[in-house]
Amino acid sequence: MSNHTPAAVLPTTTAPVILITGAARRVGAAIAVALHDAGARVVLHARQSLTEAEALAQSLNAARPESAGVVGADLLDTAAIDPLIAQAVAKFGRLDGLICNASSFFPTPIGSIDEAAWHDLVGSNFKAPLFLAQAAAPYLRASSGAIVNITDIHAERPLAGYPLYVAAKGGLLTLTRALAVELAPAVRVNAVAPGPILWPEDGQFPASEREAIVQHTLLKRAGTPEDIARTVRFLMLDAPYITGQVINVDGGRSAHLAT
């Protein structure tokens, strides 16, 4: 997509259209807001949080009419992905960007891994982004668009107790680079790897573990969803000569993280 004209002044009919998976809440919602603030039209994907996605779209459309839409799908169902992309394209007649943000995250110590965990973690973090990219590729080629995958700093430095999750994110990291090769030169593909941004809502990390993680960052603080959103916005809208790269947004944690 062109970067010669600021997105905020683009006419609605030419503003880029970007699909964000898992966009109803948390980091996904922040990404959607940041891209919308930059002038993009956004298609918000949700599975269980459709009510929140509809509310977010309503607020975005109130700020700028006909600028946001919602699509629902279970990304673990591969058969639902082609129709999802078709619905996203139908919202505004084109597709310029894909943000693969939707993700499951839970521990799987060795000895506890079963098919259900495999299906969920590999399905959401690796398989779905692959099939989403494949389905979106023809539209993104036509628009000279871009893909941004949300990986994790632990894709390269595994987190103890989470072998299946980090392996799936490692697959997504490699997939990002492979897709950059496969889809060049028309489509750019990059990734953003968060560090400590938002803690899981199910209490996986006690307060003491959270504090230890934060103290291990060079900036001595947790990040925010907006930190991720700003980086995604940069890669999607303002980085025409960047592809096949991963940007760690982690307060410097990975700079001296041994494992």
C-alpha atoms as a PDB file:
ATOM      1  CA  MET A   1       0.000   0.000   0.000  1.00  0.00           C
ATOM      2  CA  SER A   2       1.159   3.533  -0.680  1.00  0.00           C
ATOM      3  CA  ASN A   3       2.810   5.538   2.066  1.00  0.00           C
ATOM      4  CA  HIS A   4       3.123   8.799   0.140  1.00  0.00           C
ATOM      5  CA  THR A   5      -0.198  10.168   1.412  1.00  0.00           C
ATOM      6  CA  PRO A   6      -0.919  10.135   5.159  1.00  0.00           C
ATOM      7  CA  ALA A   7      -3.579   7.522   5.812  1.00  0.00           C
ATOM      8  CA  ALA A   8      -5.625   9.978   7.892  1.00  0.00           C
ATOM      9  CA  VAL A   9      -6.448  12.103   4.825  1.00  0.00           C
ATOM     10  CA  LEU A  10      -7.190   9.266   2.423  1.00  0.00           C
ATOM     11  CA  PRO A  11     -10.739   9.221   1.037  1.00  0.00           C
ATOM     12  CA  THR A  12     -12.843   6.450   2.559  1.00  0.00           C
ATOM     13  CA  THR A  13     -13.000   4.597  -0.753  1.00  0.00           C
ATOM     14  CA  THR A  14      -9.206   4.323  -0.951  1.00  0.00           C
ATOM     15  CA  ALA A  15      -8.350   3.921   2.735  1.00  0.00           C
ATOM     16  CA  PRO A  16      -6.645   0.561   3.337  1.00  0.00           C
ATOM     17  CA  VAL A  17      -8.780  -2.285   4.659  1.00  0.00           C
ATOM     18  CA  ILE A  18      -7.178  -4.381   7.397  1.00  0.00           C
ATOM     19  CA  LEU A  19      -8.474  -7.562   9.035  1.00  0.00           C
ATOM     20  CA  ILE A  20      -7.429  -8.119  12.658  1.00  0.00           C
ATOM     21  CA  THR A  21      -8.071 -11.515  14.264  1.00  0.00           C
ATOM     22  CA  GLY A  22      -8.961 -11.582  17.930  1.00  0.00           C
ATOM     23  CA  ALA A  23      -9.802  -7.879  17.741  1.00  0.00           C
ATOM     24  CA  ALA A  24     -12.580  -7.560  20.309  1.00  0.00           C
ATOM     25  CA  ARG A  25     -10.460  -7.087  23.426  1.00  0.00           C
ATOM     26  CA  ARG A  26      -7.010  -6.495  24.893  1.00  0.00           C
ATOM     27  CA  VAL A  27      -4.121  -6.230  22.397  1.00  0.00           C
ATOM     28  CA  GLY A  28      -6.293  -6.931  19.355  1.00  0.00           C
ATOM     29  CA  ALA A  29      -8.645  -4.080  20.186  1.00  0.00           C
ATOM     30  CA  ALA A  30      -5.711  -1.705  20.716  1.00  0.00           C
ATOM     31  CA  ILE A  31      -4.330  -2.675  17.299  1.00  0.00           C
ATOM     32  CA  ALA A  32      -7.703  -2.042  15.690  1.00  0.00           C
ATOM     33  CA  VAL A  33      -7.998   1.390  17.309  1.00  0.00           C
ATOM     34  CA  ALA A  34      -4.447   2.388  16.309  1.00  0.00           C
ATOM     35  CA  LEU A  35      -4.981   1.387  12.682  1.00  0.00           C
ATOM     36  CA  HIS A  36      -8.360   3.090  12.593  1.00  0.00           C
ATOM     37  CA  ASP A  37      -6.843   6.257  14.076  1.00  0.00           C
ATOM     38  CA  ALA A  38      -4.304   6.142  11.218  1.00  0.00           C
ATOM     39  CA  GLY A  39      -7.154   6.266   8.689  1.00  0.00           C
ATOM     40  CA  ALA A  40      -7.563   2.575   7.880  1.00  0.00           C
ATOM     41  CA  ARG A  41     -10.847   0.765   7.606  1.00  0.00           C
ATOM     42  CA  VAL A  42     -10.822  -2.226   9.935  1.00  0.00           C
ATOM     43  CA  VAL A  43     -12.537  -5.599   9.965  1.00  0.00           C
ATOM     44  CA  LEU A  44     -12.684  -6.987  13.486  1.00  0.00           C
ATOM     45  CA  HIS A  45     -12.660 -10.765  13.872  1.00  0.00           C
ATOM     46  CA  ALA A  46     -13.975 -12.444  16.999  1.00  0.00           C
ATOM     47  CA  ARG A  47     -15.119 -15.866  18.044  1.00  0.00           C
ATOM     48  CA  GLN A  48     -16.672 -15.749  21.535  1.00  0.00           C
ATOM     49  CA  SER A  49     -16.435 -11.977  22.034  1.00  0.00           C
ATOM     50  CA  LEU A  50     -18.711 -10.836  19.220  1.00  0.00           C
ATOM     51  CA  THR A  51     -20.659  -8.510  21.534  1.00  0.00           C
ATOM     52  CA  GLU A  52     -17.465  -6.642  22.439  1.00  0.00           C
ATOM     53  CA  ALA A  53     -16.377  -6.589  18.788  1.00  0.00           C
ATOM     54  CA  GLU A  54     -19.710  -5.105  17.719  1.00  0.00           C
ATOM     55  CA  ALA A  55     -19.457  -2.457  20.428  1.00  0.00           C
ATOM     56  CA  LEU A  56     -15.947  -1.509  19.322  1.00  0.00           C
ATOM     57  CA  ALA A  57     -17.021  -1.336  15.677  1.00  0.00           C
ATOM     58  CA  GLN A  58     -19.955   0.844  16.635  1.00  0.00           C
ATOM     59  CA  SER A  59     -17.669   3.311  18.414  1.00  0.00           C
ATOM     60  CA  LEU A  60     -15.261   3.383  15.461  1.00  0.00           C
ATOM     61  CA  ASN A  61     -18.097   3.940  13.005  1.00  0.00           C
ATOM     62  CA  ALA A  62     -19.416   6.740  15.199  1.00  0.00           C
ATOM     63  CA  ALA A  63     -16.034   8.449  14.852  1.00  0.00           C
ATOM     64  CA  ARG A  64     -15.868   7.792  11.094  1.00  0.00           C
ATOM     65  CA  PRO A  65     -18.886   6.296   9.291  1.00  0.00           C
ATOM     66  CA  GLU A  66     -18.484   3.114   7.253  1.00  0.00           C
ATOM     67  CA  SER A  67     -14.993   2.448   8.608  1.00  0.00           C
ATOM     68  CA  ALA A  68     -15.380  -0.727  10.689  1.00  0.00           C
ATOM     69  CA  GLY A  69     -17.031  -4.111  10.361  1.00  0.00           C
ATOM     70  CA  VAL A  70     -17.191  -7.379  12.280  1.00  0.00           C
ATOM     71  CA  VAL A  71     -16.776 -10.987  11.181  1.00  0.00           C
ATOM     72  CA  GLY A  72     -17.132 -14.082  13.333  1.00  0.00           C
ATOM     73  CA  ALA A  73     -15.406 -17.431  12.935  1.00  0.00           C
ATOM     74  CA  ASP A  74     -13.753 -20.239  14.865  1.00  0.00           C
ATOM     75  CA  LEU A  75     -10.177 -20.165  13.586  1.00  0.00           C
ATOM     76  CA  LEU A  76      -9.626 -23.740  14.785  1.00  0.00           C
ATOM     77  CA  ASP A  77     -12.044 -24.817  12.049  1.00  0.00           C
ATOM     78  CA  THR A  78      -9.931 -24.676   8.894  1.00  0.00           C
ATOM     79  CA  ALA A  79     -13.041 -24.896   6.733  1.00  0.00           C
ATOM     80  CA  ALA A  80     -14.207 -21.562   8.184  1.00  0.00           C
ATOM     81  CA  ILE A  81     -11.133 -19.605   7.113  1.00  0.00           C
ATOM     82  CA  ASP A  82     -11.781 -19.143   3.388  1.00  0.00           C
ATOM     83  CA  PRO A  83     -15.335 -17.901   4.095  1.00  0.00           C
ATOM     84  CA  LEU A  84     -13.957 -15.595   6.791  1.00  0.00           C
ATOM     85  CA  ILE A  85     -11.578 -13.937   4.336  1.00  0.00           C
ATOM     86  CA  ALA A  86     -14.362 -13.705   1.751  1.00  0.00           C
ATOM     87  CA  GLN A  87     -16.623 -12.002   4.309  1.00  0.00           C
ATOM     88  CA  ALA A  88     -13.859  -9.582   5.266  1.00  0.00           C
ATOM     89  CA  VAL A  89     -13.272  -8.659   1.631  1.00  0.00           C
ATOM     90  CA  ALA A  90     -17.005  -8.244   1.074  1.00  0.00           C
ATOM     91  CA  LYS A  91     -17.223  -5.633   3.846  1.00  0.00           C
ATOM     92  CA  PHE A  92     -15.342  -2.996   1.851  1.00  0.00           C
ATOM     93  CA  GLY A  93     -14.531  -4.663  -1.478  1.00  0.00           C
ATOM     94  CA  ARG A  94     -10.807  -5.169  -0.923  1.00  0.00           C
ATOM     95  CA  LEU A  95      -8.172  -6.310   1.564  1.00  0.00           C
ATOM     96  CA  ASP A  96      -4.874  -4.515   2.185  1.00  0.00           C
ATOM     97  CA  GLY A  97      -3.693  -6.017   5.447  1.00  0.00           C
ATOM     98  CA  LEU A  98      -3.965  -9.042   7.717  1.00  0.00           C
ATOM     99  CA  ILE A  99      -3.028  -9.005  11.415  1.00  0.00           C
ATOM    100  CA  CYS A 100      -2.853 -12.503  12.945  1.00  0.00           C
ATOM    101  CA  ASN A 101      -3.336 -11.716  16.621  1.00  0.00           C
ATOM    102  CA  ALA A 102      -5.776 -14.359  17.913  1.00  0.00           C
ATOM    103  CA  SER A 103      -3.964 -16.785  20.207  1.00  0.00           C
ATOM    104  CA  SER A 104      -4.431 -19.353  22.955  1.00  0.00           C
ATOM    105  CA  PHE A 105      -1.947 -19.396  25.837  1.00  0.00           C
ATOM    106  CA  PHE A 106      -1.728 -21.932  28.644  1.00  0.00           C
ATOM    107  CA  PRO A 107       0.938 -24.198  30.171  1.00  0.00           C
ATOM    108  CA  THR A 108       1.579 -27.738  28.943  1.00  0.00           C
ATOM    109  CA  PRO A 109       4.302 -29.351  31.060  1.00  0.00           C
ATOM    110  CA  ILE A 110       5.739 -32.489  29.506  1.00  0.00           C
ATOM    111  CA  GLY A 111       3.557 -35.391  30.569  1.00  0.00           C
ATOM    112  CA  SER A 112       0.361 -33.339  30.375  1.00  0.00           C
ATOM    113  CA  ILE A 113       0.171 -32.654  26.630  1.00  0.00           C
ATOM    114  CA  ASP A 114      -2.809 -34.185  24.843  1.00  0.00           C
ATOM    115  CA  GLU A 115      -4.528 -33.840  21.467  1.00  0.00           C
ATOM    116  CA  ALA A 116      -6.863 -31.129  22.760  1.00  0.00           C
ATOM    117  CA  ALA A 117      -3.943 -28.933  23.806  1.00  0.00           C
ATOM    118  CA  TRP A 118      -2.207 -29.593  20.485  1.00  0.00           C
ATOM    119  CA  HIS A 119      -5.357 -28.691  18.538  1.00  0.00           C
ATOM    120  CA  ASP A 120      -5.871 -25.469  20.497  1.00  0.00           C
ATOM    121  CA  LEU A 121      -2.320 -24.118  20.791  1.00  0.00           C
ATOM    122  CA  VAL A 122      -0.958 -25.183  17.413  1.00  0.00           C
ATOM    123  CA  GLY A 123      -4.280 -24.437  15.751  1.00  0.00           C
ATOM    124  CA  SER A 124      -4.566 -20.852  16.987  1.00  0.00           C
ATOM    125  CA  ASN A 125      -0.893 -19.882  16.989  1.00  0.00           C
ATOM    126  CA  PHE A 126       0.379 -21.537  13.817  1.00  0.00           C
ATOM    127  CA  LYS A 127      -2.157 -23.391  11.689  1.00  0.00           C
ATOM    128  CA  ALA A 128      -4.752 -20.620  11.521  1.00  0.00           C
ATOM    129  CA  PRO A 129      -2.252 -17.895  10.535  1.00  0.00           C
ATOM    130  CA  LEU A 130      -0.963 -20.144   7.753  1.00  0.00           C
ATOM    131  CA  PHE A 131      -4.391 -20.771   6.265  1.00  0.00           C
ATOM    132  CA  LEU A 132      -5.456 -17.148   6.803  1.00  0.00           C
ATOM    133  CA  ALA A 133      -2.407 -15.957   4.872  1.00  0.00           C
ATOM    134  CA  GLN A 134      -3.056 -18.470   2.113  1.00  0.00           C
ATOM    135  CA  ALA A 135      -6.687 -17.398   1.758  1.00  0.00           C
ATOM    136  CA  ALA A 136      -5.824 -13.692   1.908  1.00  0.00           C
ATOM    137  CA  ALA A 137      -2.835 -13.868  -0.450  1.00  0.00           C
ATOM    138  CA  PRO A 138      -4.689 -13.217  -3.747  1.00  0.00           C
ATOM    139  CA  TYR A 139      -6.332 -10.092  -2.330  1.00  0.00           C
ATOM    140  CA  LEU A 140      -3.129  -8.861  -0.688  1.00  0.00           C
ATOM    141  CA  ARG A 141      -1.189  -9.368  -3.912  1.00  0.00           C
ATOM    142  CA  ALA A 142      -3.779  -7.295  -5.760  1.00  0.00           C
ATOM    143  CA  SER A 143      -3.443  -4.441  -3.258  1.00  0.00           C
ATOM    144  CA  SER A 144       0.331  -4.752  -2.595  1.00  0.00           C
ATOM    145  CA  GLY A 145      -0.631  -5.294   1.017  1.00  0.00           C
ATOM    146  CA  ALA A 146       1.008  -6.651   4.137  1.00  0.00           C
ATOM    147  CA  ILE A 147       0.730  -9.249   6.882  1.00  0.00           C
ATOM    148  CA  VAL A 148       1.790  -8.765  10.497  1.00  0.00           C
ATOM    149  CA  ASN A 149       1.864 -11.808  12.776  1.00  0.00           C
ATOM    150  CA  ILE A 150       1.898 -11.499  16.561  1.00  0.00           C
ATOM    151  CA  THR A 151       4.523 -13.952  17.787  1.00  0.00           C
ATOM    152  CA  ASP A 152       6.231 -13.918  21.212  1.00  0.00           C
ATOM    153  CA  ILE A 153       9.766 -13.339  22.485  1.00  0.00           C
ATOM    154  CA  HIS A 154       9.598 -16.911  23.826  1.00  0.00           C
ATOM    155  CA  ALA A 155       9.381 -18.229  20.268  1.00  0.00           C
ATOM    156  CA  GLU A 156      13.168 -17.897  20.327  1.00  0.00           C
ATOM    157  CA  ARG A 157      13.806 -18.201  24.064  1.00  0.00           C
ATOM    158  CA  PRO A 158      11.452 -20.899  25.421  1.00  0.00           C
ATOM    159  CA  LEU A 159       9.434 -20.346  28.576  1.00  0.00           C
ATOM    160  CA  ALA A 160       9.591 -23.253  31.024  1.00  0.00           C
ATOM    161  CA  GLY A 161       6.321 -25.130  31.340  1.00  0.00           C
ATOM    162  CA  TYR A 162       4.975 -23.927  27.973  1.00  0.00           C
ATOM    163  CA  PRO A 163       6.728 -26.161  25.408  1.00  0.00           C
ATOM    164  CA  LEU A 164       3.758 -26.534  23.065  1.00  0.00           C
ATOM    165  CA  TYR A 165       2.875 -22.831  23.042  1.00  0.00           C
ATOM    166  CA  VAL A 166       6.443 -21.701  22.403  1.00  0.00           C
ATOM    167  CA  ALA A 167       6.881 -24.342  19.687  1.00  0.00           C
ATOM    168  CA  ALA A 168       3.723 -23.097  17.974  1.00  0.00           C
ATOM    169  CA  LYS A 169       4.922 -19.494  18.185  1.00  0.00           C
ATOM    170  CA  GLY A 170       8.303 -20.652  16.900  1.00  0.00           C
ATOM    171  CA  GLY A 171       6.506 -22.131  13.919  1.00  0.00           C
ATOM    172  CA  LEU A 172       4.739 -18.805  13.369  1.00  0.00           C
ATOM    173  CA  LEU A 173       8.071 -16.975  13.527  1.00  0.00           C
ATOM    174  CA  THR A 174       9.524 -19.222  10.828  1.00  0.00           C
ATOM    175  CA  LEU A 175       6.299 -19.005   8.852  1.00  0.00           C
ATOM    176  CA  THR A 176       6.584 -15.205   8.890  1.00  0.00           C
ATOM    177  CA  ARG A 177       9.952 -15.382   7.161  1.00  0.00           C
ATOM    178  CA  ALA A 178       8.808 -18.129   4.789  1.00  0.00           C
ATOM    179  CA  LEU A 179       5.735 -16.136   3.762  1.00  0.00           C
ATOM    180  CA  ALA A 180       7.908 -13.073   3.186  1.00  0.00           C
ATOM    181  CA  VAL A 181       9.821 -15.172   0.650  1.00  0.00           C
ATOM    182  CA  GLU A 182       6.738 -16.776  -0.884  1.00  0.00           C
ATOM    183  CA  LEU A 183       4.689 -13.604  -1.258  1.00  0.00           C
ATOM    184  CA  ALA A 184       7.456 -11.212  -2.346  1.00  0.00           C
ATOM    185  CA  PRO A 185       7.621  -8.783  -3.964  1.00  0.00           C
ATOM    186  CA  ALA A 186       3.936  -7.870  -3.830  1.00  0.00           C
ATOM    187  CA  VAL A 187       3.205  -8.589  -0.147  1.00  0.00           C
ATOM    188  CA  ARG A 188       5.328  -7.714   2.881  1.00  0.00           C
ATOM    189  CA  VAL A 189       5.216 -10.078   5.881  1.00  0.00           C
ATOM    190  CA  ASN A 190       6.578  -9.187   9.319  1.00  0.00           C
ATOM    191  CA  ALA A 191       5.986 -10.008  12.976  1.00  0.00           C
ATOM    192  CA  VAL A 192       5.798  -8.284  16.334  1.00  0.00           C
ATOM    193  CA  ALA A 193       6.985 -10.284  19.354  1.00  0.00           C
ATOM    194  CA  PRO A 194       5.570  -9.020  22.666  1.00  0.00           C
ATOM    195  CA  GLY A 195       7.239  -9.427  26.021  1.00  0.00           C
ATOM    196  CA  PRO A 196       5.369  -8.661  29.282  1.00  0.00           C
ATOM    197  CA  ILE A 197       2.401  -6.635  28.053  1.00  0.00           C
ATOM    198  CA  LEU A 198      -0.864  -7.938  29.499  1.00  0.00           C
ATOM    199  CA  TRP A 199      -0.933 -10.768  32.020  1.00  0.00           C
ATOM    200  CA  PRO A 200      -3.275 -13.712  31.409  1.00  0.00           C
ATOM    201  CA  GLU A 201      -6.683 -13.199  32.991  1.00  0.00           C
ATOM    202  CA  ASP A 202      -6.718 -16.687  34.517  1.00  0.00           C
ATOM    203  CA  GLY A 203      -3.980 -16.037  37.076  1.00  0.00           C
ATOM    204  CA  GLN A 204      -1.267 -18.159  35.431  1.00  0.00           C
ATOM    205  CA  PHE A 205       1.458 -15.890  36.827  1.00  0.00           C
ATOM    206  CA  PRO A 206       1.377 -15.082  40.567  1.00  0.00           C
ATOM    207  CA  ALA A 207       2.315 -11.569  41.656  1.00  0.00           C
ATOM    208  CA  SER A 208       5.842 -12.637  42.619  1.00  0.00           C
ATOM    209  CA  GLU A 209       6.492 -14.127  39.167  1.00  0.00           C
ATOM    210  CA  ARG A 210       5.114 -11.041  37.490  1.00  0.00           C
ATOM    211  CA  GLU A 211       7.409  -8.805  39.491  1.00  0.00           C
ATOM    212  CA  ALA A 212      10.435 -10.980  38.687  1.00  0.00           C
ATOM    213  CA  ILE A 213       9.642 -10.813  34.972  1.00  0.00           C
ATOM    214  CA  VAL A 214       9.234  -7.037  35.060  1.00  0.00           C
ATOM    215  CA  GLN A 215      12.483  -6.615  36.984  1.00  0.00           C
ATOM    216  CA  HIS A 216      14.242  -8.644  34.292  1.00  0.00           C
ATOM    217  CA  THR A 217      13.281  -6.127  31.638  1.00  0.00           C
ATOM    218  CA  LEU A 218      15.795  -3.384  31.009  1.00  0.00           C
ATOM    219  CA  LEU A 219      13.082  -0.734  31.370  1.00  0.00           C
ATOM    220  CA  LYS A 220      11.824  -2.208  34.675  1.00  0.00           C
ATOM    221  CA  ARG A 221       8.159  -1.992  33.732  1.00  0.00           C
ATOM    222  CA  ALA A 222       5.500  -3.886  31.855  1.00  0.00           C
ATOM    223  CA  GLY A 223       4.422  -2.664  28.453  1.00  0.00           C
ATOM    224  CA  THR A 224       0.952  -1.768  27.241  1.00  0.00           C
ATOM    225  CA  PRO A 225      -1.262  -2.963  24.396  1.00  0.00           C
ATOM    226  CA  GLU A 226      -0.634   0.401  22.778  1.00  0.00           C
ATOM    227  CA  ASP A 227       3.093  -0.399  22.600  1.00  0.00           C
ATOM    228  CA  ILE A 228       2.249  -3.408  20.441  1.00  0.00           C
ATOM    229  CA  ALA A 229      -0.347  -1.483  18.449  1.00  0.00           C
ATOM    230  CA  ARG A 230       2.072   1.318  17.538  1.00  0.00           C
ATOM    231  CA  THR A 231       4.592  -1.201  16.240  1.00  0.00           C
ATOM    232  CA  VAL A 232       1.975  -3.062  14.215  1.00  0.00           C
ATOM    233  CA  ARG A 233       0.803   0.247  12.777  1.00  0.00           C
ATOM    234  CA  PHE A 234       4.373   1.082  11.742  1.00  0.00           C
ATOM    235  CA  LEU A 235       4.947  -2.263  10.023  1.00  0.00           C
ATOM    236  CA  MET A 236       1.567  -2.213   8.319  1.00  0.00           C
ATOM    237  CA  LEU A 237       1.388   1.397   7.151  1.00  0.00           C
ATOM    238  CA  ASP A 238       4.804   3.027   7.291  1.00  0.00           C
ATOM    239  CA  ALA A 239       7.481   0.424   6.532  1.00  0.00           C
ATOM    240  CA  PRO A 240       7.440  -0.121   2.751  1.00  0.00           C
ATOM    241  CA  TYR A 241      11.006  -1.503   2.666  1.00  0.00           C
ATOM    242  CA  ILE A 242      10.709  -3.924   5.610  1.00  0.00           C
ATOM    243  CA  THR A 243       9.756  -7.576   5.152  1.00  0.00           C
ATOM    244  CA  GLY A 244      10.694 -10.882   6.756  1.00  0.00           C
ATOM    245  CA  GLN A 245      11.506  -9.206  10.082  1.00  0.00           C
ATOM    246  CA  VAL A 246      10.496  -9.588  13.722  1.00  0.00           C
ATOM    247  CA  ILE A 247      10.439  -6.648  16.133  1.00  0.00           C
ATOM    248  CA  ASN A 248      10.617  -7.517  19.831  1.00  0.00           C
ATOM    249  CA  VAL A 249       8.514  -5.164  21.961  1.00  0.00           C
ATOM    250  CA  ASP A 250       9.540  -6.302  25.398  1.00  0.00           C
ATOM    251  CA  GLY A 251      11.232  -3.541  27.355  1.00  0.00           C
ATOM    252  CA  GLY A 252      14.583  -5.138  26.616  1.00  0.00           C
ATOM    253  CA  ARG A 253      13.763  -8.445  28.324  1.00  0.00           C
ATOM    254  CA  SER A 254      14.992 -10.576  25.408  1.00  0.00           C
ATOM    255  CA  ALA A 255      18.273  -8.630  25.219  1.00  0.00           C
ATOM    256  CA  HIS A 256      19.593 -10.587  28.194  1.00  0.00           C
ATOM    257  CA  LEU A 257      17.208 -13.516  28.482  1.00  0.00           C
ATOM    258  CA  ALA A 258      19.235 -16.724  28.450  1.00  0.00           C
ATOM    259  CA  THR A 259      16.323 -19.155  28.210  1.00  0.00           C
END
